[in-house]
C-alpha atoms as a PDB file:
ATOM      1  CA  MET A   1       0.894 -11.572 -17.041  1.00  0.00           C
ATOM      2  CA  TYR A   2       4.613 -11.040 -17.472  1.00  0.00           C
ATOM      3  CA  TYR A   3       7.875 -12.904 -18.020  1.00  0.00           C
ATOM      4  CA  SER A   4      10.649 -12.826 -15.407  1.00  0.00           C
ATOM      5  CA  PHE A   5      14.228 -13.996 -15.862  1.00  0.00           C
ATOM      6  CA  PRO A   6      17.709 -13.540 -14.319  1.00  0.00           C
ATOM      7  CA  LEU A   7      20.132 -11.119 -15.898  1.00  0.00           C
ATOM      8  CA  GLY A   8      23.516 -11.547 -14.244  1.00  0.00           C
ATOM      9  CA  ASN A   9      22.877 -10.978 -10.533  1.00  0.00           C
ATOM     10  CA  PHE A  10      19.614  -9.130 -11.165  1.00  0.00           C
ATOM     11  CA  ASP A  11      16.022 -10.287 -11.614  1.00  0.00           C
ATOM     12  CA  VAL A  12      14.175  -8.739 -14.558  1.00  0.00           C
ATOM     13  CA  ALA A  13      10.488  -8.787 -15.509  1.00  0.00           C
ATOM     14  CA  VAL A  14       8.710  -7.507 -18.590  1.00  0.00           C
ATOM     15  CA  GLY A  15       5.142  -7.898 -19.825  1.00  0.00           C
ATOM     16  CA  PRO A  16       1.761  -6.381 -20.690  1.00  0.00           C
ATOM     17  CA  LYS A  17       0.249  -6.833 -17.195  1.00  0.00           C
ATOM     18  CA  LEU A  18       2.784  -5.953 -14.517  1.00  0.00           C
ATOM     19  CA  ASP A  19       2.202  -4.413 -11.076  1.00  0.00           C
ATOM     20  CA  ASN A  20       4.692  -1.848  -9.871  1.00  0.00           C
ATOM     21  CA  ASP A  21       5.613  -4.065  -6.900  1.00  0.00           C
ATOM     22  CA  ASP A  22       5.672  -7.483  -8.626  1.00  0.00           C
ATOM     23  CA  LEU A  23       9.473  -7.737  -8.561  1.00  0.00           C
ATOM     24  CA  MET A  24      10.068  -5.570  -5.495  1.00  0.00           C
ATOM     25  CA  PRO A  25      12.305  -7.223  -2.827  1.00  0.00           C
ATOM     26  CA  THR A  26      11.865  -4.392  -0.288  1.00  0.00           C
ATOM     27  CA  THR A  27       9.798  -5.079   2.832  1.00  0.00           C
ATOM     28  CA  ILE A  28       8.413  -2.130   4.784  1.00  0.00           C
ATOM     29  CA  SER A  29       5.919  -4.095   6.895  1.00  0.00           C
ATOM     30  CA  LYS A  30       5.222  -7.687   7.906  1.00  0.00           C
ATOM     31  CA  TYR A  31       1.766  -7.034   9.274  1.00  0.00           C
ATOM     32  CA  SER A  32      -0.505  -9.949   8.299  1.00  0.00           C
ATOM     33  CA  ASP A  33      -3.278  -7.633   6.994  1.00  0.00           C
ATOM     34  CA  LYS A  34      -5.982 -10.300   6.708  1.00  0.00           C
ATOM     35  CA  PHE A  35      -9.024  -8.424   7.994  1.00  0.00           C
ATOM     36  CA  PHE A  36     -11.009  -5.253   7.216  1.00  0.00           C
ATOM     37  CA  MET A  37      -8.083  -2.949   6.441  1.00  0.00           C
ATOM     38  CA  ALA A  38      -6.873  -5.244   3.677  1.00  0.00           C
ATOM     39  CA  ALA A  39      -9.972  -4.417   1.598  1.00  0.00           C
ATOM     40  CA  GLN A  40      -9.755  -0.642   2.069  1.00  0.00           C
ATOM     41  CA  PRO A  41      -7.232   1.244  -0.110  1.00  0.00           C
ATOM     42  CA  LEU A  42      -6.856   4.062   2.409  1.00  0.00           C
ATOM     43  CA  THR A  43      -5.962   1.749   5.269  1.00  0.00           C
ATOM     44  CA  ALA A  44      -3.088   0.045   3.453  1.00  0.00           C
ATOM     45  CA  ALA A  45       0.351   0.517   4.960  1.00  0.00           C
ATOM     46  CA  ASP A  46       1.966   1.460   1.659  1.00  0.00           C
ATOM     47  CA  PHE A  47       0.902   4.499  -0.402  1.00  0.00           C
ATOM     48  CA  SER A  48       3.071   3.345  -3.317  1.00  0.00           C
ATOM     49  CA  SER A  49       0.872   0.299  -3.975  1.00  0.00           C
ATOM     50  CA  ALA A  50      -2.141   2.391  -4.895  1.00  0.00           C
ATOM     51  CA  PRO A  51      -4.861   0.457  -6.729  1.00  0.00           C
ATOM     52  CA  GLY A  52      -4.599   0.574 -10.489  1.00  0.00           C
ATOM     53  CA  ILE A  53      -0.800   0.677 -10.871  1.00  0.00           C
ATOM     54  CA  THR A  54      -0.881  -2.150 -13.381  1.00  0.00           C
ATOM     55  CA  GLY A  55       0.049  -2.069 -17.034  1.00  0.00           C
ATOM     56  CA  SER A  56       2.723  -2.733 -19.603  1.00  0.00           C
ATOM     57  CA  GLY A  57       6.250  -2.224 -18.391  1.00  0.00           C
ATOM     58  CA  PHE A  58       9.399  -3.650 -16.956  1.00  0.00           C
ATOM     59  CA  ALA A  59      11.063  -4.041 -13.574  1.00  0.00           C
ATOM     60  CA  ILE A  60      14.478  -4.929 -12.196  1.00  0.00           C
ATOM     61  CA  GLY A  61      15.487  -5.931  -8.696  1.00  0.00           C
ATOM     62  CA  ARG A  62      18.277  -7.448  -6.668  1.00  0.00           C
ATOM     63  CA  THR A  63      18.908  -8.773  -3.167  1.00  0.00           C
ATOM     64  CA  TRP A  64      22.522  -8.809  -1.997  1.00  0.00           C
ATOM     65  CA  ASP A  65      24.027 -11.425   0.341  1.00  0.00           C
ATOM     66  CA  ASN A  66      24.559  -8.800   3.061  1.00  0.00           C
ATOM     67  CA  GLY A  67      20.803  -8.168   3.355  1.00  0.00           C
ATOM     68  CA  PHE A  68      20.469  -5.026   1.248  1.00  0.00           C
ATOM     69  CA  ASN A  69      18.007  -4.913  -1.639  1.00  0.00           C
ATOM     70  CA  ALA A  70      16.800  -2.511  -4.316  1.00  0.00           C
ATOM     71  CA  SER A  71      14.428  -2.373  -7.285  1.00  0.00           C
ATOM     72  CA  ALA A  72      13.092  -0.106 -10.007  1.00  0.00           C
ATOM     73  CA  SER A  73      10.079  -0.368 -12.299  1.00  0.00           C
ATOM     74  CA  LEU A  74       8.292   1.571 -15.024  1.00  0.00           C
ATOM     75  CA  ILE A  75       4.596   0.861 -15.622  1.00  0.00           C
ATOM     76  CA  GLY A  76       2.496   2.357 -18.431  1.00  0.00           C
ATOM     77  CA  MET A  77      -1.136   2.211 -17.271  1.00  0.00           C
ATOM     78  CA  SER A  78      -2.405   3.482 -20.641  1.00  0.00           C
ATOM     79  CA  ALA A  79       0.116   1.678 -22.852  1.00  0.00           C
ATOM     80  CA  SER A  80      -2.649  -0.400 -24.434  1.00  0.00           C
ATOM     81  CA  THR A  81      -4.609   2.711 -25.498  1.00  0.00           C
ATOM     82  CA  SER A  82      -3.983   5.443 -28.033  1.00  0.00           C
ATOM     83  CA  ASP A  83      -2.372   7.513 -25.245  1.00  0.00           C
ATOM     84  CA  GLY A  84       0.612   5.178 -25.460  1.00  0.00           C
ATOM     85  CA  PHE A  85       3.669   4.507 -23.324  1.00  0.00           C
ATOM     86  CA  LEU A  86       6.090   7.229 -22.146  1.00  0.00           C
ATOM     87  CA  THR A  87       4.103   9.953 -23.883  1.00  0.00           C
ATOM     88  CA  LYS A  88       2.736  13.263 -22.625  1.00  0.00           C
ATOM     89  CA  GLU A  89      -0.806  11.916 -22.926  1.00  0.00           C
ATOM     90  CA  GLY A  90      -0.058   8.568 -21.267  1.00  0.00           C
ATOM     91  CA  THR A  91      -0.152   7.749 -17.551  1.00  0.00           C
ATOM     92  CA  ASP A  92       3.071   6.174 -16.331  1.00  0.00           C
ATOM     93  CA  THR A  93       4.394   5.284 -12.886  1.00  0.00           C
ATOM     94  CA  TYR A  94       8.048   5.097 -11.876  1.00  0.00           C
ATOM     95  CA  THR A  95       8.826   3.206  -8.661  1.00  0.00           C
ATOM     96  CA  LEU A  96      12.107   2.898  -6.758  1.00  0.00           C
ATOM     97  CA  SER A  97      12.765   0.901  -3.603  1.00  0.00           C
ATOM     98  CA  ALA A  98      15.671   0.160  -1.273  1.00  0.00           C
ATOM     99  CA  GLY A  99      15.839  -1.771   1.956  1.00  0.00           C
ATOM    100  CA  TYR A 100      17.676  -3.995   4.388  1.00  0.00           C
ATOM    101  CA  ASP A 101      16.580  -7.251   6.034  1.00  0.00           C
ATOM    102  CA  ALA A 102      18.325  -8.932   8.965  1.00  0.00           C
ATOM    103  CA  ASP A 103      17.302 -12.044  10.924  1.00  0.00           C
ATOM    104  CA  SER A 104      14.889 -10.264  13.259  1.00  0.00           C
ATOM    105  CA  TYR A 105      14.338  -6.809  11.779  1.00  0.00           C
ATOM    106  CA  GLY A 106      14.251  -4.869   8.541  1.00  0.00           C
ATOM    107  CA  LEU A 107      13.385  -1.531   7.002  1.00  0.00           C
ATOM    108  CA  GLY A 108      12.685  -0.117   3.592  1.00  0.00           C
ATOM    109  CA  LEU A 109      11.940   2.973   1.549  1.00  0.00           C
ATOM    110  CA  ILE A 110       9.621   3.062  -1.481  1.00  0.00           C
ATOM    111  CA  ILE A 111       9.144   6.063  -3.765  1.00  0.00           C
ATOM    112  CA  ALA A 112       6.611   6.131  -6.598  1.00  0.00           C
ATOM    113  CA  ASP A 113       5.985   8.926  -9.089  1.00  0.00           C
ATOM    114  CA  MET A 114       2.525   8.696 -10.688  1.00  0.00           C
ATOM    115  CA  ASP A 115       1.287  10.710 -13.661  1.00  0.00           C
ATOM    116  CA  GLU A 116      -2.283   9.972 -12.559  1.00  0.00           C
ATOM    117  CA  ALA A 117      -3.382   9.236  -8.974  1.00  0.00           C
ATOM    118  CA  CYS A 118      -7.184   9.525  -9.189  1.00  0.00           C
ATOM    119  CA  SER A 119      -7.472   5.750  -8.744  1.00  0.00           C
ATOM    120  CA  PHE A 120      -5.703   6.011  -5.391  1.00  0.00           C
ATOM    121  CA  ILE A 121      -8.321   8.270  -3.799  1.00  0.00           C
ATOM    122  CA  ALA A 122     -11.278   6.671  -5.617  1.00  0.00           C
ATOM    123  CA  GLY A 123     -12.150   4.606  -2.519  1.00  0.00           C
ATOM    124  CA  TYR A 124     -13.526   7.677  -0.751  1.00  0.00           C
ATOM    125  CA  GLN A 125     -13.343  10.580  -3.209  1.00  0.00           C
ATOM    126  CA  THR A 126     -13.142  11.035  -6.969  1.00  0.00           C
ATOM    127  CA  CYS A 127     -11.295  13.656  -8.949  1.00  0.00           C
ATOM    128  CA  ALA A 128     -14.669  14.733 -10.337  1.00  0.00           C
ATOM    129  CA  SER A 129     -16.087  15.247  -6.825  1.00  0.00           C
ATOM    130  CA  LEU A 130     -13.069  17.397  -5.988  1.00  0.00           C
ATOM    131  CA  GLY A 131     -13.640  19.454  -9.130  1.00  0.00           C
ATOM    132  CA  VAL A 132     -10.270  18.616 -10.703  1.00  0.00           C
ATOM    133  CA  SER A 133      -9.539  16.788 -13.937  1.00  0.00           C
ATOM    134  CA  GLY A 134      -6.605  14.823 -12.573  1.00  0.00           C
ATOM    135  CA  ILE A 135      -3.995  14.508  -9.859  1.00  0.00           C
ATOM    136  CA  GLY A 136      -0.333  13.692 -10.348  1.00  0.00           C
ATOM    137  CA  ALA A 137       1.507  12.507  -7.271  1.00  0.00           C
ATOM    138  CA  THR A 138       4.730  11.356  -5.693  1.00  0.00           C
ATOM    139  CA  THR A 139       4.412   8.931  -2.788  1.00  0.00           C
ATOM    140  CA  THR A 140       7.137   8.235  -0.246  1.00  0.00           C
ATOM    141  CA  THR A 141       6.746   5.382   2.231  1.00  0.00           C
ATOM    142  CA  LEU A 142       9.214   4.493   4.985  1.00  0.00           C
ATOM    143  CA  GLY A 143       8.642   1.430   7.120  1.00  0.00           C
ATOM    144  CA  GLY A 144      10.207  -1.271   9.210  1.00  0.00           C
ATOM    145  CA  TYR A 145       9.538  -4.365  11.294  1.00  0.00           C
ATOM    146  CA  TRP A 146      11.002  -6.090  14.349  1.00  0.00           C
ATOM    147  CA  SER A 147      10.554  -9.629  15.719  1.00  0.00           C
ATOM    148  CA  PRO A 148      11.962  -9.608  19.286  1.00  0.00           C
ATOM    149  CA  ASN A 149      11.177 -13.206  20.310  1.00  0.00           C
ATOM    150  CA  ASP A 150      12.218 -15.620  17.556  1.00  0.00           C
ATOM    151  CA  GLY A 151       9.369 -14.575  15.283  1.00  0.00           C
ATOM    152  CA  LYS A 152       6.545 -15.235  17.742  1.00  0.00           C
ATOM    153  CA  THR A 153       5.707 -11.529  17.764  1.00  0.00           C
ATOM    154  CA  THR A 154       6.287  -9.059  14.946  1.00  0.00           C
ATOM    155  CA  LEU A 155       5.863  -5.298  15.222  1.00  0.00           C
ATOM    156  CA  SER A 156       5.509  -3.241  12.024  1.00  0.00           C
ATOM    157  CA  ALA A 157       5.268   0.504  11.466  1.00  0.00           C
ATOM    158  CA  THR A 158       5.077   2.685   8.340  1.00  0.00           C
ATOM    159  CA  TYR A 159       4.901   6.394   7.642  1.00  0.00           C
ATOM    160  CA  ALA A 160       3.815   7.636   4.226  1.00  0.00           C
ATOM    161  CA  VAL A 161       3.477  10.974   2.439  1.00  0.00           C
ATOM    162  CA  PHE A 162       1.316  11.572  -0.644  1.00  0.00           C
ATOM    163  CA  SER A 163       2.430  14.732  -2.478  1.00  0.00           C
ATOM    164  CA  GLY A 164      -0.204  15.716  -5.023  1.00  0.00           C
ATOM    165  CA  ASP A 165       0.154  17.981  -8.034  1.00  0.00           C
ATOM    166  CA  VAL A 166      -2.887  19.649  -9.627  1.00  0.00           C
ATOM    167  CA  PRO A 167      -2.256  22.363 -12.256  1.00  0.00           C
ATOM    168  CA  GLY A 168      -3.572  25.710 -11.038  1.00  0.00           C
ATOM    169  CA  TYR A 169      -3.973  24.565  -7.427  1.00  0.00           C
ATOM    170  CA  THR A 170      -1.899  24.668  -4.262  1.00  0.00           C
ATOM    171  CA  VAL A 171      -1.895  21.117  -2.882  1.00  0.00           C
ATOM    172  CA  GLU A 172      -0.947  20.071   0.636  1.00  0.00           C
ATOM    173  CA  ASP A 173       0.633  16.699   1.400  1.00  0.00           C
ATOM    174  CA  LEU A 174      -1.408  13.804   2.744  1.00  0.00           C
ATOM    175  CA  ASN A 175       0.183  11.956   5.665  1.00  0.00           C
ATOM    176  CA  SER A 176      -0.516   8.503   7.004  1.00  0.00           C
ATOM    177  CA  PHE A 177       0.823   6.377   9.854  1.00  0.00           C
ATOM    178  CA  HIS A 178       0.245   2.639  10.281  1.00  0.00           C
ATOM    179  CA  VAL A 179       1.253   0.405  13.202  1.00  0.00           C
ATOM    180  CA  GLY A 180       0.505  -3.315  13.346  1.00  0.00           C
ATOM    181  CA  VAL A 181       1.401  -6.284  15.532  1.00  0.00           C
ATOM    182  CA  ASP A 182       1.045 -10.045  15.044  1.00  0.00           C
ATOM    183  CA  SER A 183       1.637 -12.356  17.990  1.00  0.00           C
ATOM    184  CA  GLU A 184       1.260 -16.112  18.422  1.00  0.00           C
ATOM    185  CA  LEU A 185      -1.455 -16.883  20.962  1.00  0.00           C
ATOM    186  CA  GLY A 186      -2.632 -20.389  21.682  1.00  0.00           C
ATOM    187  CA  SER A 187      -3.129 -22.247  18.420  1.00  0.00           C
ATOM    188  CA  GLY A 188      -3.389 -19.091  16.331  1.00  0.00           C
ATOM    189  CA  VAL A 189      -2.176 -15.542  15.792  1.00  0.00           C
ATOM    190  CA  LEU A 190      -3.648 -12.428  17.416  1.00  0.00           C
ATOM    191  CA  SER A 191      -3.294  -9.316  15.235  1.00  0.00           C
ATOM    192  CA  ALA A 192      -4.046  -5.634  15.789  1.00  0.00           C
ATOM    193  CA  ALA A 193      -3.416  -2.416  13.888  1.00  0.00           C
ATOM    194  CA  ILE A 194      -4.153   1.293  13.978  1.00  0.00           C
ATOM    195  CA  LYS A 195      -4.031   3.667  11.011  1.00  0.00           C
ATOM    196  CA  SER A 196      -4.255   7.450  10.842  1.00  0.00           C
ATOM    197  CA  GLN A 197      -5.057   9.009   7.481  1.00  0.00           C
ATOM    198  CA  ASP A 198      -5.546  12.409   5.841  1.00  0.00           C
ATOM    199  CA  PHE A 199      -7.840  13.196   2.913  1.00  0.00           C
ATOM    200  CA  TYR A 200      -8.410  16.114   0.541  1.00  0.00           C
ATOM    201  CA  VAL A 201     -10.703  19.120   0.894  1.00  0.00           C
ATOM    202  CA  VAL A 202     -10.896  21.657  -1.945  1.00  0.00           C
ATOM    203  CA  SER A 203     -11.523  25.347  -1.238  1.00  0.00           C
ATOM    204  CA  GLY A 204     -11.048  27.699  -4.166  1.00  0.00           C
ATOM    205  CA  SER A 205      -7.614  27.050  -5.633  1.00  0.00           C
ATOM    206  CA  LYS A 206      -6.287  25.301  -2.526  1.00  0.00           C
ATOM    207  CA  VAL A 207      -6.402  21.539  -1.957  1.00  0.00           C
ATOM    208  CA  SER A 208      -5.942  21.055   1.778  1.00  0.00           C
ATOM    209  CA  ALA A 209      -5.226  18.013   3.897  1.00  0.00           C
ATOM    210  CA  ASP A 210      -7.862  17.165   6.492  1.00  0.00           C
ATOM    211  CA  THR A 211      -7.738  14.258   8.906  1.00  0.00           C
ATOM    212  CA  LEU A 212      -9.922  11.186   8.721  1.00  0.00           C
ATOM    213  CA  GLY A 213      -8.969  10.372  12.298  1.00  0.00           C
ATOM    214  CA  GLU A 214      -7.844   6.883  13.249  1.00  0.00           C
ATOM    215  CA  PHE A 215      -9.086   3.455  12.303  1.00  0.00           C
ATOM    216  CA  ALA A 216      -8.288   0.235  14.184  1.00  0.00           C
ATOM    217  CA  GLU A 217      -8.821  -3.506  13.974  1.00  0.00           C
ATOM    218  CA  VAL A 218      -8.250  -6.552  16.169  1.00  0.00           C
ATOM    219  CA  TYR A 219      -8.604 -10.095  14.847  1.00  0.00           C
ATOM    220  CA  TYR A 220      -7.591 -13.677  15.540  1.00  0.00           C
ATOM    221  CA  THR A 221      -6.531 -16.233  12.924  1.00  0.00           C
ATOM    222  CA  TYR A 222      -6.267 -19.963  13.540  1.00  0.00           C
ATOM    223  CA  ASP A 223      -6.203 -23.219  11.577  1.00  0.00           C
ATOM    224  CA  VAL A 224      -9.109 -25.578  12.166  1.00  0.00           C
ATOM    225  CA  ASN A 225      -7.220 -28.267  10.260  1.00  0.00           C
ATOM    226  CA  ASP A 226      -4.665 -28.482   7.433  1.00  0.00           C
ATOM    227  CA  SER A 227      -7.136 -27.123   4.864  1.00  0.00           C
ATOM    228  CA  THR A 228      -9.328 -24.672   6.822  1.00  0.00           C
ATOM    229  CA  GLU A 229      -8.378 -21.294   8.311  1.00  0.00           C
ATOM    230  CA  ILE A 230     -10.722 -18.996  10.249  1.00  0.00           C
ATOM    231  CA  THR A 231     -10.198 -15.273  10.860  1.00  0.00           C
ATOM    232  CA  THR A 232     -12.588 -13.387  13.134  1.00  0.00           C
ATOM    233  CA  GLY A 233     -12.412  -9.909  14.641  1.00  0.00           C
ATOM    234  CA  ILE A 234     -13.670  -6.349  14.893  1.00  0.00           C
ATOM    235  CA  SER A 235     -12.685  -3.070  13.222  1.00  0.00           C
ATOM    236  CA  PHE A 236     -13.804   0.397  14.219  1.00  0.00           C
ATOM    237  CA  ALA A 237     -13.256   4.123  13.680  1.00  0.00           C
ATOM    238  CA  MET A 238     -11.838   6.269  16.471  1.00  0.00           C
ATOM    239  CA  GLY A 239     -12.163   9.674  14.809  1.00  0.00           C
ATOM    240  CA  ASP A 240     -15.139  12.003  15.137  1.00  0.00           C
ATOM    241  CA  GLU A 241     -15.291  13.044  11.487  1.00  0.00           C
ATOM    242  CA  THR A 242     -18.323  12.060   9.415  1.00  0.00           C
ATOM    243  CA  GLY A 243     -19.234  11.890   5.763  1.00  0.00           C
ATOM    244  CA  VAL A 244     -16.504   9.513   4.639  1.00  0.00           C
ATOM    245  CA  TYR A 245     -17.869   6.097   3.811  1.00  0.00           C
ATOM    246  CA  TRP A 246     -15.684   3.935   6.047  1.00  0.00           C
ATOM    247  CA  LEU A 247     -14.860   6.383   8.828  1.00  0.00           C
ATOM    248  CA  ASP A 248     -17.989   5.948  10.938  1.00  0.00           C
ATOM    249  CA  ARG A 249     -18.179   2.184  10.524  1.00  0.00           C
ATOM    250  CA  THR A 250     -17.822  -0.592  13.041  1.00  0.00           C
ATOM    251  CA  ALA A 251     -17.439  -3.996  11.423  1.00  0.00           C
ATOM    252  CA  VAL A 252     -17.600  -7.407  13.095  1.00  0.00           C
ATOM    253  CA  GLY A 253     -17.079 -10.485  10.990  1.00  0.00           C
ATOM    254  CA  ALA A 254     -15.386 -13.741  10.213  1.00  0.00           C
ATOM    255  CA  ASP A 255     -13.643 -15.176   7.179  1.00  0.00           C
ATOM    256  CA  VAL A 256     -13.195 -18.867   6.408  1.00  0.00           C
ATOM    257  CA  THR A 257     -10.563 -19.993   3.899  1.00  0.00           C
ATOM    258  CA  PHE A 258     -10.579 -23.495   2.425  1.00  0.00           C
ATOM    259  CA  LYS A 259      -7.514 -24.910   0.667  1.00  0.00           C
ATOM    260  CA  PHE A 260      -7.676 -27.965  -1.576  1.00  0.00           C
END
């Protein structure tokens, strides 16, 4: 829930419920992301869009005629509480982006500085389970895409770094790499992706990065008619680690979307 309006050559948004990427013109990936990975925070291509970066704030963005774009936003996740907005007690996120889009390719860089990042890792760990009261973080995500055959096939790749900050601890960076492809096949689109991901392990006063291995998915999306779309596929883990809730899973399923 926010209000957006033009200000000269810029787009501006302000409101009590604003996501840090609501006004962002930068594209780091064009992967369709319609299957299992879309529902798992750790398998997303972009670290900067961690779950929970929603709150009161403002954003500004612009796309130039030559294809370049940029944006900035400030979100106060605890602005509606007594912790307030832009205070030492509050949890705020600053996000910057810059990119370039041409007819058949593009690339972008997104940097987000988060006062509190526990919500990001909550899908597989909690700050309490790690024995820490909170984690501040800076995320840096670089990505690009390329469509070599008039848009019939699109390749996307992103590399992201999650730099955590825990008072009293030495914290290693988390790294992730995501590659996806969408290609027209018959009456639908065949999609596939692979994602490698680190996670945290705490030993004494050191928070180390350990690998989750790789996760992959393959799925096919097609329109039955103008109002019905079916997506069916398989996703599976390729690492040999255990103990993380999604790592040792193999999922086979289908999704049907009706539009009225």
